[in-house]
Amino acid sequence: MSEPIVLQTEKREGTGSRKAAKLRKAGKVPGVLYGHKETTVSFSVDHDQLVALVKTGARVIDFTYETAAEKAQIMELQYDYLGKDILHVDLKRVSANERITLKVRVDLRGIAPGASKGVLDQPLHTLNVECSAISVPDSIKVNISELQLGQSIYVKDLTLPPGVKVLDDPDAIVVHVTTPDLEPAAGAAAESAEPEVIRKAKAEAEAEEK
C-alpha cells in the first residue's frame, strides 16, 4: 500500500462548457466530489499535478478543498479524443473504515520455466477487488517462477494481502503457459496444396495431347 497522496484543489465558481474551457486554457482541470449524502463540491485542480497523480496508479487520495480535508476515490477520468489531456475528474467520498470496490493491476513476478517451451499468456491484467479504503494494494502480485508448460494459475490460487477480496470468478485463469500452435494455418495448407493441383492438371493435359 502506498502512502496517501494529497490532491490540492481550488473552489470552482459556476459550471458549464465555457467556464470549463476557460479553466483548461489556464492549465486546470474541472472536477466534482460527491458521496456520503453530502453536498457535491465543484473544484479545479492543476492539470500537471493531476497527471502526475494518475501516473502513480493511486486510486484513493487525500482531497483538500479550502480548509477541509477528506479522503476520496477516483471514480472517472475523462480524456480528450486523443486520450492525452484530462478534461474532467470525478471523485467519491470514502471513509477510512469503508470497504470499496475497484480494479487493481496484476503484477507477475519471476520467470516461468515452462515459457521456454511454450507461450506465456496472461488473460487477466486487472482484478476487481474489495478492500478497506485505507488498504488499497498497489497491485496483486503473482509468483510464476514455478509455472510449467500446461499449467495455469487461477484466481482462487492467488495469495492476497490481508483484508483484500477478489470479486472475479475463482475459476478464471490469471496466467498460464500454453503449448505453441504448430499446425499450419488453413491458408498456408491451401497454398502448399495448390502447386500439387496445378502439376496434376498439367500432367493430365499432356497425356491427352499424346
Protein backbone atom coordinates (compact mmCIF):
# COMPACT_ATOMS: atom_id res chain seq x y z
CA MET A 1 0.00 0.00 0.00
CA SER A 2 1.32 3.41 -0.96
CA GLU A 3 1.48 6.45 1.26
CA PRO A 4 -1.62 8.70 0.97
CA ILE A 5 -1.37 11.14 -1.91
CA VAL A 6 -2.72 14.64 -1.45
CA LEU A 7 -4.67 16.34 -4.22
CA GLN A 8 -4.75 20.09 -3.63
CA THR A 9 -7.76 21.76 -5.23
CA GLU A 10 -9.38 25.17 -5.57
CA LYS A 11 -13.01 26.21 -5.37
CA ARG A 12 -14.68 26.36 -8.78
CA GLU A 13 -17.24 29.08 -9.38
CA GLY A 14 -20.04 28.17 -11.76
CA THR A 15 -20.37 25.34 -14.25
CA GLY A 16 -20.88 24.96 -17.97
CA SER A 17 -18.75 24.26 -21.02
CA ARG A 18 -17.47 27.84 -21.40
CA LYS A 19 -16.20 28.09 -17.83
CA ALA A 20 -14.69 24.60 -18.11
CA ALA A 21 -12.91 25.56 -21.34
CA LYS A 22 -11.54 28.68 -19.66
CA LEU A 23 -10.16 26.58 -16.79
CA ARG A 24 -8.49 24.14 -19.17
CA LYS A 25 -6.91 27.01 -21.08
CA ALA A 26 -5.40 28.13 -17.77
CA GLY A 27 -3.89 24.67 -17.22
CA LYS A 28 -6.53 23.44 -14.81
CA VAL A 29 -8.98 20.52 -14.81
CA PRO A 30 -12.56 20.87 -13.53
CA GLY A 31 -13.90 18.17 -11.23
CA VAL A 32 -16.60 17.20 -8.74
CA LEU A 33 -16.57 15.48 -5.36
CA TYR A 34 -19.74 13.67 -4.28
CA GLY A 35 -20.98 10.92 -1.99
CA HIS A 36 -21.99 10.15 1.61
CA LYS A 37 -25.18 12.19 1.06
CA GLU A 38 -23.19 15.38 1.47
CA THR A 39 -23.08 18.47 -0.73
CA THR A 40 -21.45 17.97 -4.12
CA VAL A 41 -18.31 20.09 -4.39
CA SER A 42 -17.14 21.63 -7.67
CA PHE A 43 -13.41 22.21 -7.81
CA SER A 44 -10.46 22.68 -10.13
CA VAL A 45 -7.01 21.13 -9.93
CA ASP A 46 -3.72 21.80 -11.67
CA HIS A 47 -3.55 19.59 -14.78
CA ASP A 48 0.10 18.60 -14.33
CA GLN A 49 -0.45 17.70 -10.68
CA LEU A 50 -3.41 15.50 -11.60
CA VAL A 51 -1.48 13.78 -14.41
CA ALA A 52 1.41 13.07 -12.04
CA LEU A 53 -1.03 11.62 -9.50
CA VAL A 54 -2.69 9.39 -12.11
CA LYS A 55 0.70 8.04 -13.22
CA THR A 56 1.33 6.75 -9.67
CA GLY A 57 -1.65 4.43 -10.06
CA ALA A 58 -3.25 5.77 -6.87
CA ARG A 59 -6.99 5.22 -6.63
CA VAL A 60 -7.71 6.60 -3.17
CA ILE A 61 -6.33 10.02 -2.28
CA ASP A 62 -6.48 12.74 0.37
CA PHE A 63 -8.57 15.55 -1.07
CA THR A 64 -8.09 19.12 0.20
CA TYR A 65 -10.65 21.83 -0.51
CA GLU A 66 -10.30 25.26 1.02
CA THR A 67 -9.89 24.39 4.74
CA ALA A 68 -11.45 20.91 4.50
CA ALA A 69 -9.63 17.62 4.04
CA GLU A 70 -11.35 14.41 3.01
CA LYS A 71 -10.48 11.01 1.63
CA ALA A 72 -11.75 10.29 -1.88
CA GLN A 73 -11.73 7.58 -4.53
CA ILE A 74 -11.02 8.42 -8.18
CA MET A 75 -14.12 7.20 -9.98
CA GLU A 76 -13.73 8.56 -13.50
CA LEU A 77 -11.25 10.44 -15.66
CA GLN A 78 -12.47 11.97 -18.91
CA TYR A 79 -9.83 12.45 -21.63
CA ASP A 80 -9.81 14.35 -24.90
CA TYR A 81 -10.33 12.48 -28.17
CA LEU A 82 -6.59 11.80 -28.43
CA GLY A 83 -6.54 10.24 -24.98
CA LYS A 84 -3.83 12.67 -23.91
CA ASP A 85 -5.24 15.54 -21.84
CA ILE A 86 -7.58 15.03 -18.87
CA LEU A 87 -10.75 17.06 -19.31
CA HIS A 88 -12.63 16.22 -16.10
CA VAL A 89 -12.25 14.18 -12.92
CA ASP A 90 -14.95 12.64 -10.70
CA LEU A 91 -14.19 11.84 -7.05
CA LYS A 92 -16.30 9.99 -4.49
CA ARG A 93 -16.02 10.47 -0.74
CA VAL A 94 -14.87 7.45 1.26
CA SER A 95 -14.13 6.94 4.93
CA ALA A 96 -11.14 5.19 6.42
CA ASN A 97 -13.16 2.19 7.65
CA GLU A 98 -15.25 1.89 4.48
CA ARG A 99 -14.86 -1.07 2.14
CA ILE A 100 -14.72 -0.10 -1.51
CA THR A 101 -14.53 -1.93 -4.85
CA LEU A 102 -12.05 -1.05 -7.58
CA LYS A 103 -9.74 -2.52 -10.20
CA VAL A 104 -6.16 -3.40 -9.27
CA ARG A 105 -3.47 -4.44 -11.74
CA VAL A 106 -1.87 -7.90 -11.74
CA ASP A 107 1.91 -7.89 -11.30
CA LEU A 108 3.72 -11.04 -12.48
CA ARG A 109 6.86 -11.89 -10.54
CA GLY A 110 9.61 -14.26 -11.64
CA ILE A 111 10.22 -16.25 -14.83
CA ALA A 112 8.01 -19.18 -15.76
CA PRO A 113 10.17 -22.27 -16.57
CA GLY A 114 7.52 -23.52 -18.98
CA ALA A 115 7.79 -20.39 -21.11
CA SER A 116 10.98 -21.76 -22.69
CA LYS A 117 8.90 -24.50 -24.34
CA GLY A 118 5.53 -22.79 -24.60
CA VAL A 119 3.76 -19.45 -24.66
CA LEU A 120 3.15 -17.40 -21.51
CA ASP A 121 -0.35 -15.92 -21.72
CA GLN A 122 -1.99 -13.58 -19.20
CA PRO A 123 -5.79 -13.35 -19.74
CA LEU A 124 -6.31 -11.13 -16.68
CA HIS A 125 -4.24 -7.94 -16.33
CA THR A 126 -6.52 -6.38 -13.69
CA LEU A 127 -8.74 -7.77 -10.95
CA ASN A 128 -11.88 -6.42 -9.33
CA VAL A 129 -11.22 -6.29 -5.61
CA GLU A 130 -12.96 -5.25 -2.42
CA CYS A 131 -10.86 -3.79 0.38
CA SER A 132 -10.62 -1.07 3.00
CA ALA A 133 -10.31 2.47 1.64
CA ILE A 134 -7.03 2.88 3.51
CA SER A 135 -5.64 -0.52 2.47
CA VAL A 136 -5.78 -0.44 -1.32
CA PRO A 137 -2.94 -2.59 -2.70
CA ASP A 138 -0.75 -1.15 -5.43
CA SER A 139 -1.10 -4.46 -7.28
CA ILE A 140 -1.85 -8.15 -6.81
CA LYS A 141 1.49 -9.93 -7.09
CA VAL A 142 1.55 -13.36 -8.75
CA ASN A 143 4.62 -15.61 -8.50
CA ILE A 144 5.13 -17.51 -11.76
CA SER A 145 8.60 -18.91 -11.02
CA GLU A 146 7.25 -22.49 -10.81
CA LEU A 147 4.75 -22.33 -13.69
CA GLN A 148 5.38 -25.20 -16.10
CA LEU A 149 4.12 -25.94 -19.60
CA GLY A 150 0.40 -26.71 -19.50
CA GLN A 151 -0.08 -25.26 -16.02
CA SER A 152 -2.35 -22.37 -15.01
CA ILE A 153 -2.74 -20.03 -12.06
CA TYR A 154 -6.38 -19.32 -11.27
CA VAL A 155 -7.98 -16.51 -9.28
CA LYS A 156 -8.61 -18.98 -6.45
CA ASP A 157 -4.86 -19.75 -6.29
CA LEU A 158 -3.82 -16.14 -5.56
CA THR A 159 -2.21 -15.08 -2.31
CA LEU A 160 -3.94 -11.84 -1.36
CA PRO A 161 -2.97 -9.04 1.03
CA PRO A 162 -4.84 -9.07 4.35
CA GLY A 163 -8.39 -7.75 4.06
CA VAL A 164 -8.46 -7.93 0.25
CA LYS A 165 -11.13 -9.96 -1.54
CA VAL A 166 -11.15 -10.66 -5.27
CA LEU A 167 -14.61 -10.43 -6.86
CA ASP A 168 -13.73 -12.14 -10.16
CA ASP A 169 -14.67 -15.75 -10.96
CA PRO A 170 -12.49 -18.02 -8.77
CA ASP A 171 -12.00 -20.38 -11.73
CA ALA A 172 -10.87 -17.64 -14.12
CA ILE A 173 -7.31 -18.07 -15.41
CA VAL A 174 -4.94 -15.27 -14.44
CA VAL A 175 -1.87 -16.61 -16.26
CA HIS A 176 -0.90 -19.90 -17.93
CA VAL A 177 1.69 -21.46 -20.21
CA THR A 178 0.18 -22.95 -23.35
CA THR A 179 1.60 -25.29 -25.98
CA PRO A 180 2.64 -23.50 -29.18
CA ASP A 181 0.31 -23.99 -32.14
CA LEU A 182 2.50 -25.95 -34.55
CA GLU A 183 -0.26 -26.80 -37.04
CA PRO A 184 -0.09 -24.83 -40.30
CA ALA A 185 -2.81 -22.29 -40.86
CA ALA A 186 -5.62 -23.20 -43.26
CA GLY A 187 -4.40 -20.59 -45.74
CA ALA A 188 -0.87 -21.96 -45.67
CA ALA A 189 -2.14 -25.50 -46.20
CA ALA A 190 -4.18 -24.36 -49.19
CA GLU A 191 -1.19 -22.58 -50.69
CA SER A 192 1.04 -25.65 -50.31
CA ALA A 193 -1.60 -27.84 -51.92
CA GLU A 194 -2.16 -25.50 -54.87
CA PRO A 195 1.12 -26.29 -56.74
CA GLU A 196 0.34 -30.02 -56.49
CA VAL A 197 -3.11 -29.48 -58.04
CA ILE A 198 -1.58 -27.43 -60.87
CA ARG A 199 1.07 -30.10 -61.58
CA LYS A 200 -1.60 -32.81 -61.67
CA ALA A 201 -3.79 -30.85 -64.08
CA LYS A 202 -0.78 -30.16 -66.33
CA ALA A 203 0.16 -33.85 -66.41
CA GLU A 204 -3.38 -34.85 -67.39
CA ALA A 205 -3.42 -32.26 -70.18
CA GLU A 206 -0.13 -33.53 -71.58
CA ALA A 207 -1.42 -37.12 -71.51
CA GLU A 208 -4.50 -36.16 -73.54
CA GLU A 209 -2.33 -34.45 -76.19
CA LYS A 210 -0.34 -37.64 -76.65
